Structures are given as C-alpha cells and as structure tokens.
C-alpha cells in the first residue's frame, strides 16, 4: 500500500480500529472517533469531549431566524420584567405608546437617561431592548419580523446579529452626543431597525437595483410620519440608519461570500455576550437603586 494511504489510515485521520464515530462540525463529514483531522475537508477536529458541544452549536446555527427570535424574545422578556417591577399594566394602558414606567424601572432594565451613558457605557447596548409601552413594543416587533424575514437569511445569522447590535448601539451613541447630559429617558430597538433598513438600502444601491428609488421614498415617508405622530428619538434613528448603511455597504461589497466567514461568528458571539452582559450590569447598577429611594421618599412610588 502506498505511503500516503498509510498516513491517511493512521492517527491523522483515525485508525478505523476504535469503535464509534463523530461528525466534523465544519463540513458534516463522518470520521473515526480517534481522528485528529476530518477525512473530507482536512480541517482539524475539536477534542472528542467537545464534539457534542460543537454539534449542538451546528444545529443551533441551522435554526431559521435564530437571532430574530433571540433579540425579539429579549425585548419581550425585558418588557414583562418592567411591567412586573412597575406593579401591573395599569400605567401602561394610560400611556399606550410611551407608557408610564417609573424612572427607576427604566434605568434598572437598561434604559438610557441623562449622563448615565457616559458613566455606564454598557447602556448604549442594553437600551436597545427596553420599550416604554405596548404600542411601542408592538410596532417595533412587527417591523423586526418584517425586515428580518429577508435580512437574516440573506445576510446570514452572524452578520445579522452584528448589524442589529452595532447599529442599535451606535444609534444611542448618536443620541447621547445630540442630547448631552440633559437627554430624556430613552430606549427601544428602533435604532437597530433603522440600521437594518440602512443595510437593505445599501444592498440595493450596490447592486444597482431599480427598486432603490421606490423603497427609499417609501422609507422616507414612513420615517417622517412616524417622527411627527409619535415621540421618537430621531437622533438614535439617524445614527442607526447611518451605521446600518455603512455595514450594509461592507457586506454587499465582499468579493467573496466567505471573506469574513470566520470573523463574523466571533463578532456575533461578542455582540450577544455584550447584550446579556449589559442587561445584567444594568440590573446590578446602583443608579436605579438610588433613583428608587428618591422616588419612595418623594411619594412618587
């Protein structure tokens, strides 16, 4: 037998003697349980004890609209926690869009207010997931579902996650730069949604899609009407739109579809960790506790 065949049958690709087999997390190829490299794609296999975790992650990645469900679910969970901390839906029904969450509730669950963004920068991320009323949450979740049906499958889950978190975060950075230390309580996924729309417009522009003008006019009308009818954070919307358009240009101009294939999952992981970390940090902050004491002392709560 030729020497290269001996190597392929050796420990590098598995001896074939050990019982059992395992699947390559990269290409799905079936390999001997003691193999170091995949027989099909020749990529290094993870340690056997981690194979189960890699396989679970591989299955998770195949879930349709994975990050749409994660981010939408987080918005819903944060809203429910706010309602519970506030003491019920009564105040929200009186303020159907903006709601009537106490400032301590808003700050506790990630909201951005006044100088807190500079003191606690993680709030530029956590503010994406708090909403101030039933209509506020409902409209944003409707828009999220509508945009994500195209964008997440089109971009891929990792690129989509980076787009959502980065555009929303930079939207609130823009909001803080505009309003300064006197900024009102703010939050919501609108900056991320405008970022998604910006990415869609960038894709149409790069591909010279004839629908660009029509979509741009419709989007402009929607944005203007929404800004006039509801009390919205236009600075966050504009910041998210610009950030999303920039990322959309980057995505659309990739020379090869997998150019950032290994980088994007890592960035997406960092974004998701920052999301959960920011929400935990907001709840652990002393800021909302100090505000709660003041509310109790003043009789506002």
C-alpha atoms as a PDB file:
ATOM      1  CA  UNK A   1       0.000   0.000   0.000  1.00  0.00           C
ATOM      2  CA  UNK A   2       1.396   3.482  -0.901  1.00  0.00           C
ATOM      3  CA  UNK A   3       2.838   5.507   1.956  1.00  0.00           C
ATOM      4  CA  UNK A   4       0.290   8.379   1.678  1.00  0.00           C
ATOM      5  CA  UNK A   5      -2.519   5.851   2.077  1.00  0.00           C
ATOM      6  CA  UNK A   6      -0.793   4.583   5.203  1.00  0.00           C
ATOM      7  CA  UNK A   7      -0.772   8.116   6.617  1.00  0.00           C
ATOM      8  CA  UNK A   8      -4.445   8.637   5.824  1.00  0.00           C
ATOM      9  CA  UNK A   9      -5.264   5.410   7.593  1.00  0.00           C
ATOM     10  CA  UNK A  10      -3.058   6.331  10.534  1.00  0.00           C
ATOM     11  CA  UNK A  11      -3.770   8.506  13.534  1.00  0.00           C
ATOM     12  CA  UNK A  12      -4.157  11.694  11.495  1.00  0.00           C
ATOM     13  CA  UNK A  13      -7.496  10.550  10.036  1.00  0.00           C
ATOM     14  CA  UNK A  14      -8.190   7.779  12.511  1.00  0.00           C
ATOM     15  CA  UNK A  15      -7.100   4.177  12.538  1.00  0.00           C
ATOM     16  CA  UNK A  16     -10.560   2.823  11.942  1.00  0.00           C
ATOM     17  CA  UNK A  17      -9.973   0.415  14.850  1.00  0.00           C
ATOM     18  CA  UNK A  18     -11.587   2.441  17.617  1.00  0.00           C
ATOM     19  CA  UNK A  19     -15.332   1.890  17.906  1.00  0.00           C
ATOM     20  CA  UNK A  20     -17.746   4.729  17.252  1.00  0.00           C
ATOM     21  CA  UNK A  21     -17.576   7.762  15.021  1.00  0.00           C
ATOM     22  CA  UNK A  22     -18.077  11.503  15.155  1.00  0.00           C
ATOM     23  CA  UNK A  23     -19.192  14.220  12.778  1.00  0.00           C
ATOM     24  CA  UNK A  24     -16.981  17.071  11.622  1.00  0.00           C
ATOM     25  CA  UNK A  25     -18.543  20.350  12.868  1.00  0.00           C
ATOM     26  CA  UNK A  26     -17.206  22.168   9.788  1.00  0.00           C
ATOM     27  CA  UNK A  27     -18.467  20.048   6.871  1.00  0.00           C
ATOM     28  CA  UNK A  28     -20.596  17.329   8.463  1.00  0.00           C
ATOM     29  CA  UNK A  29     -18.259  14.515   7.336  1.00  0.00           C
ATOM     30  CA  UNK A  30     -18.238  11.245   9.275  1.00  0.00           C
ATOM     31  CA  UNK A  31     -14.868  10.424  10.899  1.00  0.00           C
ATOM     32  CA  UNK A  32     -13.351   7.794  13.138  1.00  0.00           C
ATOM     33  CA  UNK A  33     -13.695   8.617  16.812  1.00  0.00           C
ATOM     34  CA  UNK A  34      -9.890   8.882  17.252  1.00  0.00           C
ATOM     35  CA  UNK A  35      -9.253  11.052  14.155  1.00  0.00           C
ATOM     36  CA  UNK A  36      -7.352  14.323  14.525  1.00  0.00           C
ATOM     37  CA  UNK A  37      -8.385  15.811  11.162  1.00  0.00           C
ATOM     38  CA  UNK A  38     -11.515  15.480   9.039  1.00  0.00           C
ATOM     39  CA  UNK A  39     -11.162  12.945   6.214  1.00  0.00           C
ATOM     40  CA  UNK A  40     -13.361  15.056   3.935  1.00  0.00           C
ATOM     41  CA  UNK A  41     -12.288  18.703   4.481  1.00  0.00           C
ATOM     42  CA  UNK A  42      -8.893  18.083   6.163  1.00  0.00           C
ATOM     43  CA  UNK A  43      -9.687  20.631   8.916  1.00  0.00           C
ATOM     44  CA  UNK A  44      -8.632  19.923  12.471  1.00  0.00           C
ATOM     45  CA  UNK A  45     -11.331  18.273  14.552  1.00  0.00           C
ATOM     46  CA  UNK A  46     -12.117  19.560  18.055  1.00  0.00           C
ATOM     47  CA  UNK A  47     -11.251  17.359  21.042  1.00  0.00           C
ATOM     48  CA  UNK A  48     -13.620  14.434  21.371  1.00  0.00           C
ATOM     49  CA  UNK A  49     -15.054  15.778  24.621  1.00  0.00           C
ATOM     50  CA  UNK A  50     -16.149  18.960  22.812  1.00  0.00           C
ATOM     51  CA  UNK A  51     -17.692  17.252  19.795  1.00  0.00           C
ATOM     52  CA  UNK A  52     -21.152  17.217  21.381  1.00  0.00           C
ATOM     53  CA  UNK A  53     -20.995  20.944  22.081  1.00  0.00           C
ATOM     54  CA  UNK A  54     -19.878  21.699  18.523  1.00  0.00           C
ATOM     55  CA  UNK A  55     -22.648  19.545  17.101  1.00  0.00           C
ATOM     56  CA  UNK A  56     -25.241  21.305  19.274  1.00  0.00           C
ATOM     57  CA  UNK A  57     -23.913  24.676  18.093  1.00  0.00           C
ATOM     58  CA  UNK A  58     -24.059  23.490  14.478  1.00  0.00           C
ATOM     59  CA  UNK A  59     -27.709  22.511  14.883  1.00  0.00           C
ATOM     60  CA  UNK A  60     -28.451  25.820  16.603  1.00  0.00           C
ATOM     61  CA  UNK A  61     -26.996  27.741  13.666  1.00  0.00           C
ATOM     62  CA  UNK A  62     -29.402  25.978  11.332  1.00  0.00           C
ATOM     63  CA  UNK A  63     -32.448  27.327  13.183  1.00  0.00           C
ATOM     64  CA  UNK A  64     -34.367  29.690  10.904  1.00  0.00           C
ATOM     65  CA  UNK A  65     -34.331  33.355  12.048  1.00  0.00           C
ATOM     66  CA  UNK A  66     -32.294  32.396  15.118  1.00  0.00           C
ATOM     67  CA  UNK A  67     -31.208  35.870  16.187  1.00  0.00           C
ATOM     68  CA  UNK A  68     -34.542  37.413  15.254  1.00  0.00           C
ATOM     69  CA  UNK A  69     -36.121  35.139  17.840  1.00  0.00           C
ATOM     70  CA  UNK A  70     -33.373  35.798  20.394  1.00  0.00           C
ATOM     71  CA  UNK A  71     -33.493  39.593  20.099  1.00  0.00           C
ATOM     72  CA  UNK A  72     -37.284  39.758  19.830  1.00  0.00           C
ATOM     73  CA  UNK A  73     -37.598  37.408  22.793  1.00  0.00           C
ATOM     74  CA  UNK A  74     -35.264  39.571  24.864  1.00  0.00           C
ATOM     75  CA  UNK A  75     -37.357  42.657  24.105  1.00  0.00           C
ATOM     76  CA  UNK A  76     -40.468  40.811  25.268  1.00  0.00           C
ATOM     77  CA  UNK A  77     -38.815  39.449  28.429  1.00  0.00           C
ATOM     78  CA  UNK A  78     -37.441  42.873  29.393  1.00  0.00           C
ATOM     79  CA  UNK A  79     -40.868  44.432  28.858  1.00  0.00           C
ATOM     80  CA  UNK A  80     -42.527  41.814  31.082  1.00  0.00           C
ATOM     81  CA  UNK A  81     -39.921  42.409  33.800  1.00  0.00           C
ATOM     82  CA  UNK A  82     -40.564  46.155  33.603  1.00  0.00           C
ATOM     83  CA  UNK A  83     -44.321  45.595  33.943  1.00  0.00           C
ATOM     84  CA  UNK A  84     -43.779  43.348  36.963  1.00  0.00           C
ATOM     85  CA  UNK A  85     -41.450  45.829  38.632  1.00  0.00           C
ATOM     86  CA  UNK A  86     -43.863  48.677  37.908  1.00  0.00           C
ATOM     87  CA  UNK A  87     -46.705  46.742  39.505  1.00  0.00           C
ATOM     88  CA  UNK A  88     -49.013  45.958  36.597  1.00  0.00           C
ATOM     89  CA  UNK A  89     -50.319  47.099  33.223  1.00  0.00           C
ATOM     90  CA  UNK A  90     -52.452  49.975  34.525  1.00  0.00           C
ATOM     91  CA  UNK A  91     -49.928  52.785  33.944  1.00  0.00           C
ATOM     92  CA  UNK A  92     -49.100  51.388  30.520  1.00  0.00           C
ATOM     93  CA  UNK A  93     -52.712  51.435  29.407  1.00  0.00           C
ATOM     94  CA  UNK A  94     -52.942  55.099  30.376  1.00  0.00           C
ATOM     95  CA  UNK A  95     -49.861  55.866  28.286  1.00  0.00           C
ATOM     96  CA  UNK A  96     -50.371  53.435  25.437  1.00  0.00           C
ATOM     97  CA  UNK A  97     -47.276  54.348  23.413  1.00  0.00           C
ATOM     98  CA  UNK A  98     -44.802  55.879  25.840  1.00  0.00           C
ATOM     99  CA  UNK A  99     -46.180  54.142  28.915  1.00  0.00           C
ATOM    100  CA  UNK A 100     -45.583  55.335  32.437  1.00  0.00           C
ATOM    101  CA  UNK A 101     -42.654  53.343  33.748  1.00  0.00           C
ATOM    102  CA  UNK A 102     -41.005  54.976  36.728  1.00  0.00           C
ATOM    103  CA  UNK A 103     -37.504  56.252  36.024  1.00  0.00           C
ATOM    104  CA  UNK A 104     -36.050  53.652  38.396  1.00  0.00           C
ATOM    105  CA  UNK A 105     -37.726  50.868  36.374  1.00  0.00           C
ATOM    106  CA  UNK A 106     -36.415  52.288  33.118  1.00  0.00           C
ATOM    107  CA  UNK A 107     -32.864  52.557  34.446  1.00  0.00           C
ATOM    108  CA  UNK A 108     -32.963  49.159  36.143  1.00  0.00           C
ATOM    109  CA  UNK A 109     -33.761  47.318  32.945  1.00  0.00           C
ATOM    110  CA  UNK A 110     -31.259  49.028  30.699  1.00  0.00           C
ATOM    111  CA  UNK A 111     -32.723  52.403  29.737  1.00  0.00           C
ATOM    112  CA  UNK A 112     -30.511  55.348  28.857  1.00  0.00           C
ATOM    113  CA  UNK A 113     -31.036  58.627  30.713  1.00  0.00           C
ATOM    114  CA  UNK A 114     -29.128  61.875  31.114  1.00  0.00           C
ATOM    115  CA  UNK A 115     -25.441  61.379  31.926  1.00  0.00           C
ATOM    116  CA  UNK A 116     -25.739  57.635  32.558  1.00  0.00           C
ATOM    117  CA  UNK A 117     -24.402  56.762  29.111  1.00  0.00           C
ATOM    118  CA  UNK A 118     -21.009  58.239  29.946  1.00  0.00           C
ATOM    119  CA  UNK A 119     -20.962  56.807  33.457  1.00  0.00           C
ATOM    120  CA  UNK A 120     -22.177  53.379  32.359  1.00  0.00           C
ATOM    121  CA  UNK A 121     -21.384  52.923  28.629  1.00  0.00           C
ATOM    122  CA  UNK A 122     -22.954  49.458  28.549  1.00  0.00           C
ATOM    123  CA  UNK A 123     -26.339  51.207  28.489  1.00  0.00           C
ATOM    124  CA  UNK A 124     -25.840  52.051  24.819  1.00  0.00           C
ATOM    125  CA  UNK A 125     -26.347  48.294  24.264  1.00  0.00           C
ATOM    126  CA  UNK A 126     -28.939  47.467  26.927  1.00  0.00           C
ATOM    127  CA  UNK A 127     -31.200  50.365  25.873  1.00  0.00           C
ATOM    128  CA  UNK A 128     -31.976  48.523  22.627  1.00  0.00           C
ATOM    129  CA  UNK A 129     -34.157  46.017  24.474  1.00  0.00           C
ATOM    130  CA  UNK A 130     -36.358  48.193  26.687  1.00  0.00           C
ATOM    131  CA  UNK A 131     -39.678  49.555  25.401  1.00  0.00           C
ATOM    132  CA  UNK A 132     -41.961  52.050  27.097  1.00  0.00           C
ATOM    133  CA  UNK A 133     -45.420  50.963  26.083  1.00  0.00           C
ATOM    134  CA  UNK A 134     -47.500  48.242  24.462  1.00  0.00           C
ATOM    135  CA  UNK A 135     -47.722  50.085  21.148  1.00  0.00           C
ATOM    136  CA  UNK A 136     -44.002  50.928  21.222  1.00  0.00           C
ATOM    137  CA  UNK A 137     -43.119  47.258  21.676  1.00  0.00           C
ATOM    138  CA  UNK A 138     -45.748  46.001  19.231  1.00  0.00           C
ATOM    139  CA  UNK A 139     -44.751  48.287  16.359  1.00  0.00           C
ATOM    140  CA  UNK A 140     -41.063  47.531  16.786  1.00  0.00           C
ATOM    141  CA  UNK A 141     -41.647  43.768  16.930  1.00  0.00           C
ATOM    142  CA  UNK A 142     -43.829  43.967  13.825  1.00  0.00           C
ATOM    143  CA  UNK A 143     -41.084  45.858  11.975  1.00  0.00           C
ATOM    144  CA  UNK A 144     -38.427  43.458  13.297  1.00  0.00           C
ATOM    145  CA  UNK A 145     -40.326  40.435  11.988  1.00  0.00           C
ATOM    146  CA  UNK A 146     -40.998  42.062   8.624  1.00  0.00           C
ATOM    147  CA  UNK A 147     -37.393  43.148   7.982  1.00  0.00           C
ATOM    148  CA  UNK A 148     -35.763  40.043   9.424  1.00  0.00           C
ATOM    149  CA  UNK A 149     -37.633  37.629   7.172  1.00  0.00           C
ATOM    150  CA  UNK A 150     -35.470  38.866   4.337  1.00  0.00           C
ATOM    151  CA  UNK A 151     -32.327  40.182   6.024  1.00  0.00           C
ATOM    152  CA  UNK A 152     -31.321  37.346   8.359  1.00  0.00           C
ATOM    153  CA  UNK A 153     -31.453  34.612   5.672  1.00  0.00           C
ATOM    154  CA  UNK A 154     -29.894  36.995   3.135  1.00  0.00           C
ATOM    155  CA  UNK A 155     -27.001  38.172   5.313  1.00  0.00           C
ATOM    156  CA  UNK A 156     -26.573  35.072   7.442  1.00  0.00           C
ATOM    157  CA  UNK A 157     -27.278  34.929  11.168  1.00  0.00           C
ATOM    158  CA  UNK A 158     -23.819  36.118  12.271  1.00  0.00           C
ATOM    159  CA  UNK A 159     -23.796  39.199  10.020  1.00  0.00           C
ATOM    160  CA  UNK A 160     -27.380  39.942  11.001  1.00  0.00           C
ATOM    161  CA  UNK A 161     -26.562  39.805  14.722  1.00  0.00           C
ATOM    162  CA  UNK A 162     -23.611  42.172  14.276  1.00  0.00           C
ATOM    163  CA  UNK A 163     -25.774  44.545  12.229  1.00  0.00           C
ATOM    164  CA  UNK A 164     -28.574  44.594  14.807  1.00  0.00           C
ATOM    165  CA  UNK A 165     -26.400  45.190  17.861  1.00  0.00           C
ATOM    166  CA  UNK A 166     -23.860  47.573  16.309  1.00  0.00           C
ATOM    167  CA  UNK A 167     -26.416  49.808  14.574  1.00  0.00           C
ATOM    168  CA  UNK A 168     -28.600  49.985  17.684  1.00  0.00           C
ATOM    169  CA  UNK A 169     -25.621  50.774  19.901  1.00  0.00           C
ATOM    170  CA  UNK A 170     -24.251  53.476  17.613  1.00  0.00           C
ATOM    171  CA  UNK A 171     -27.756  54.906  17.368  1.00  0.00           C
ATOM    172  CA  UNK A 172     -27.787  55.520  21.116  1.00  0.00           C
ATOM    173  CA  UNK A 173     -24.252  56.896  20.983  1.00  0.00           C
ATOM    174  CA  UNK A 174     -25.538  59.413  18.433  1.00  0.00           C
ATOM    175  CA  UNK A 175     -28.491  60.155  20.711  1.00  0.00           C
ATOM    176  CA  UNK A 176     -26.202  60.908  23.640  1.00  0.00           C
ATOM    177  CA  UNK A 177     -23.992  63.148  21.509  1.00  0.00           C
ATOM    178  CA  UNK A 178     -27.068  65.074  20.363  1.00  0.00           C
ATOM    179  CA  UNK A 179     -28.929  65.432  23.661  1.00  0.00           C
ATOM    180  CA  UNK A 180     -25.968  65.527  26.025  1.00  0.00           C
ATOM    181  CA  UNK A 181     -26.377  65.227  29.796  1.00  0.00           C
ATOM    182  CA  UNK A 182     -29.928  66.627  29.578  1.00  0.00           C
ATOM    183  CA  UNK A 183     -31.175  63.723  27.484  1.00  0.00           C
ATOM    184  CA  UNK A 184     -34.592  62.260  28.366  1.00  0.00           C
ATOM    185  CA  UNK A 185     -35.104  58.596  29.255  1.00  0.00           C
ATOM    186  CA  UNK A 186     -34.796  56.648  26.021  1.00  0.00           C
ATOM    187  CA  UNK A 187     -34.683  53.110  24.711  1.00  0.00           C
ATOM    188  CA  UNK A 188     -36.068  50.761  22.097  1.00  0.00           C
ATOM    189  CA  UNK A 189     -34.998  48.698  19.111  1.00  0.00           C
ATOM    190  CA  UNK A 190     -35.814  51.432  16.583  1.00  0.00           C
ATOM    191  CA  UNK A 191     -32.156  52.331  16.056  1.00  0.00           C
ATOM    192  CA  UNK A 192     -31.438  48.718  15.157  1.00  0.00           C
ATOM    193  CA  UNK A 193     -34.463  48.633  12.855  1.00  0.00           C
ATOM    194  CA  UNK A 194     -33.304  51.763  11.066  1.00  0.00           C
ATOM    195  CA  UNK A 195     -29.887  50.111  10.805  1.00  0.00           C
ATOM    196  CA  UNK A 196     -31.476  47.090   9.149  1.00  0.00           C
ATOM    197  CA  UNK A 197     -33.259  49.376   6.716  1.00  0.00           C
ATOM    198  CA  UNK A 198     -29.978  51.149   6.028  1.00  0.00           C
ATOM    199  CA  UNK A 199     -28.319  47.823   5.248  1.00  0.00           C
ATOM    200  CA  UNK A 200     -31.150  46.934   2.872  1.00  0.00           C
ATOM    201  CA  UNK A 201     -30.805  50.276   1.080  1.00  0.00           C
ATOM    202  CA  UNK A 202     -27.033  49.753   0.823  1.00  0.00           C
ATOM    203  CA  UNK A 203     -27.562  46.350  -0.772  1.00  0.00           C
ATOM    204  CA  UNK A 204     -29.962  47.808  -3.331  1.00  0.00           C
ATOM    205  CA  UNK A 205     -27.547  50.655  -4.076  1.00  0.00           C
ATOM    206  CA  UNK A 206     -24.506  48.415  -4.550  1.00  0.00           C
ATOM    207  CA  UNK A 207     -26.430  46.052  -6.807  1.00  0.00           C
ATOM    208  CA  UNK A 208     -27.994  48.983  -8.698  1.00  0.00           C
ATOM    209  CA  UNK A 209     -31.410  47.524  -8.057  1.00  0.00           C
ATOM    210  CA  UNK A 210     -34.140  49.517  -9.850  1.00  0.00           C
ATOM    211  CA  UNK A 211     -36.315  49.273  -6.731  1.00  0.00           C
ATOM    212  CA  UNK A 212     -33.963  51.570  -4.778  1.00  0.00           C
ATOM    213  CA  UNK A 213     -35.771  54.831  -5.558  1.00  0.00           C
ATOM    214  CA  UNK A 214     -39.198  53.396  -4.755  1.00  0.00           C
ATOM    215  CA  UNK A 215     -38.025  51.820  -1.482  1.00  0.00           C
ATOM    216  CA  UNK A 216     -36.176  54.989  -0.473  1.00  0.00           C
ATOM    217  CA  UNK A 217     -39.287  57.152  -0.989  1.00  0.00           C
ATOM    218  CA  UNK A 218     -41.468  54.747   0.977  1.00  0.00           C
ATOM    219  CA  UNK A 219     -38.956  54.610   3.805  1.00  0.00           C
ATOM    220  CA  UNK A 220     -38.617  58.412   3.931  1.00  0.00           C
ATOM    221  CA  UNK A 221     -42.401  58.832   4.152  1.00  0.00           C
ATOM    222  CA  UNK A 222     -42.609  56.233   6.904  1.00  0.00           C
ATOM    223  CA  UNK A 223     -39.799  57.849   8.896  1.00  0.00           C
ATOM    224  CA  UNK A 224     -41.242  61.366   8.641  1.00  0.00           C
ATOM    225  CA  UNK A 225     -44.800  60.323   9.555  1.00  0.00           C
ATOM    226  CA  UNK A 226     -43.553  58.223  12.448  1.00  0.00           C
ATOM    227  CA  UNK A 227     -41.449  61.132  13.747  1.00  0.00           C
ATOM    228  CA  UNK A 228     -44.399  63.549  13.579  1.00  0.00           C
ATOM    229  CA  UNK A 229     -47.016  61.260  15.128  1.00  0.00           C
ATOM    230  CA  UNK A 230     -45.038  59.631  17.945  1.00  0.00           C
ATOM    231  CA  UNK A 231     -42.473  60.948  20.459  1.00  0.00           C
ATOM    232  CA  UNK A 232     -39.437  59.216  18.976  1.00  0.00           C
ATOM    233  CA  UNK A 233     -35.672  59.555  19.309  1.00  0.00           C
ATOM    234  CA  UNK A 234     -34.757  60.866  15.868  1.00  0.00           C
ATOM    235  CA  UNK A 235     -31.051  61.086  16.724  1.00  0.00           C
ATOM    236  CA  UNK A 236     -30.946  57.352  17.539  1.00  0.00           C
ATOM    237  CA  UNK A 237     -32.864  56.584  14.353  1.00  0.00           C
ATOM    238  CA  UNK A 238     -30.465  58.588  12.212  1.00  0.00           C
ATOM    239  CA  UNK A 239     -27.402  57.134  13.940  1.00  0.00           C
ATOM    240  CA  UNK A 240     -28.695  53.593  13.464  1.00  0.00           C
ATOM    241  CA  UNK A 241     -29.530  54.291   9.823  1.00  0.00           C
ATOM    242  CA  UNK A 242     -26.022  55.599   9.055  1.00  0.00           C
ATOM    243  CA  UNK A 243     -24.349  52.707  10.905  1.00  0.00           C
ATOM    244  CA  UNK A 244     -26.540  50.142   9.152  1.00  0.00           C
ATOM    245  CA  UNK A 245     -25.904  51.684   5.748  1.00  0.00           C
ATOM    246  CA  UNK A 246     -22.142  51.517   6.358  1.00  0.00           C
ATOM    247  CA  UNK A 247     -22.271  47.878   7.438  1.00  0.00           C
ATOM    248  CA  UNK A 248     -24.566  47.098   4.531  1.00  0.00           C
ATOM    249  CA  UNK A 249     -22.015  48.572   2.130  1.00  0.00           C
ATOM    250  CA  UNK A 250     -19.317  46.401   3.695  1.00  0.00           C
ATOM    251  CA  UNK A 251     -21.418  43.255   3.435  1.00  0.00           C
ATOM    252  CA  UNK A 252     -22.569  43.938  -0.125  1.00  0.00           C
ATOM    253  CA  UNK A 253     -19.067  44.669  -1.418  1.00  0.00           C
ATOM    254  CA  UNK A 254     -17.450  41.468  -0.167  1.00  0.00           C
ATOM    255  CA  UNK A 255     -15.514  39.988  -3.070  1.00  0.00           C
ATOM    256  CA  UNK A 256     -16.088  36.509  -1.785  1.00  0.00           C
ATOM    257  CA  UNK A 257     -19.134  35.348   0.128  1.00  0.00           C
ATOM    258  CA  UNK A 258     -16.978  33.770   2.847  1.00  0.00           C
ATOM    259  CA  UNK A 259     -14.408  36.553   3.112  1.00  0.00           C
ATOM    260  CA  UNK A 260     -15.442  37.266   6.694  1.00  0.00           C
ATOM    261  CA  UNK A 261     -16.776  33.760   7.253  1.00  0.00           C
ATOM    262  CA  UNK A 262     -14.506  33.014  10.212  1.00  0.00           C
ATOM    263  CA  UNK A 263     -14.558  36.509  11.693  1.00  0.00           C
ATOM    264  CA  UNK A 264     -18.296  37.136  11.743  1.00  0.00           C
ATOM    265  CA  UNK A 265     -19.276  34.264  14.087  1.00  0.00           C
ATOM    266  CA  UNK A 266     -16.721  35.558  16.582  1.00  0.00           C
ATOM    267  CA  UNK A 267     -18.034  39.120  16.296  1.00  0.00           C
ATOM    268  CA  UNK A 268     -21.597  37.849  16.601  1.00  0.00           C
ATOM    269  CA  UNK A 269     -20.619  35.967  19.753  1.00  0.00           C
ATOM    270  CA  UNK A 270     -19.067  39.124  21.200  1.00  0.00           C
ATOM    271  CA  UNK A 271     -22.236  41.067  20.373  1.00  0.00           C
ATOM    272  CA  UNK A 272     -24.528  38.510  22.012  1.00  0.00           C
ATOM    273  CA  UNK A 273     -22.340  38.343  25.129  1.00  0.00           C
ATOM    274  CA  UNK A 274     -22.327  42.155  25.316  1.00  0.00           C
ATOM    275  CA  UNK A 275     -26.138  42.174  25.089  1.00  0.00           C
ATOM    276  CA  UNK A 276     -26.656  39.800  28.006  1.00  0.00           C
ATOM    277  CA  UNK A 277     -23.791  41.362  29.952  1.00  0.00           C
ATOM    278  CA  UNK A 278     -25.226  44.859  29.544  1.00  0.00           C
ATOM    279  CA  UNK A 279     -28.658  43.796  30.790  1.00  0.00           C
ATOM    280  CA  UNK A 280     -27.136  42.087  33.826  1.00  0.00           C
ATOM    281  CA  UNK A 281     -24.926  45.116  34.514  1.00  0.00           C
ATOM    282  CA  UNK A 282     -27.895  47.492  34.330  1.00  0.00           C
ATOM    283  CA  UNK A 283     -29.809  45.444  36.889  1.00  0.00           C
ATOM    284  CA  UNK A 284     -26.753  45.301  39.163  1.00  0.00           C
ATOM    285  CA  UNK A 285     -26.107  49.049  38.919  1.00  0.00           C
ATOM    286  CA  UNK A 286     -26.553  51.289  41.950  1.00  0.00           C
ATOM    287  CA  UNK A 287     -28.059  54.018  39.760  1.00  0.00           C
ATOM    288  CA  UNK A 288     -31.596  52.635  39.695  1.00  0.00           C
ATOM    289  CA  UNK A 289     -31.485  51.864  43.425  1.00  0.00           C
ATOM    290  CA  UNK A 290     -30.616  55.466  44.251  1.00  0.00           C
ATOM    291  CA  UNK A 291     -33.404  56.709  41.996  1.00  0.00           C
ATOM    292  CA  UNK A 292     -35.847  54.249  43.619  1.00  0.00           C
ATOM    293  CA  UNK A 293     -35.015  55.602  47.073  1.00  0.00           C
ATOM    294  CA  UNK A 294     -35.672  59.152  45.868  1.00  0.00           C
ATOM    295  CA  UNK A 295     -38.990  58.070  44.337  1.00  0.00           C
ATOM    296  CA  UNK A 296     -40.085  56.459  47.596  1.00  0.00           C
ATOM    297  CA  UNK A 297     -39.038  59.456  49.672  1.00  0.00           C
ATOM    298  CA  UNK A 298     -40.907  61.854  47.400  1.00  0.00           C
ATOM    299  CA  UNK A 299     -44.035  59.709  47.455  1.00  0.00           C
ATOM    300  CA  UNK A 300     -43.892  59.065  43.715  1.00  0.00           C
ATOM    301  CA  UNK A 301     -43.840  55.329  44.346  1.00  0.00           C
END
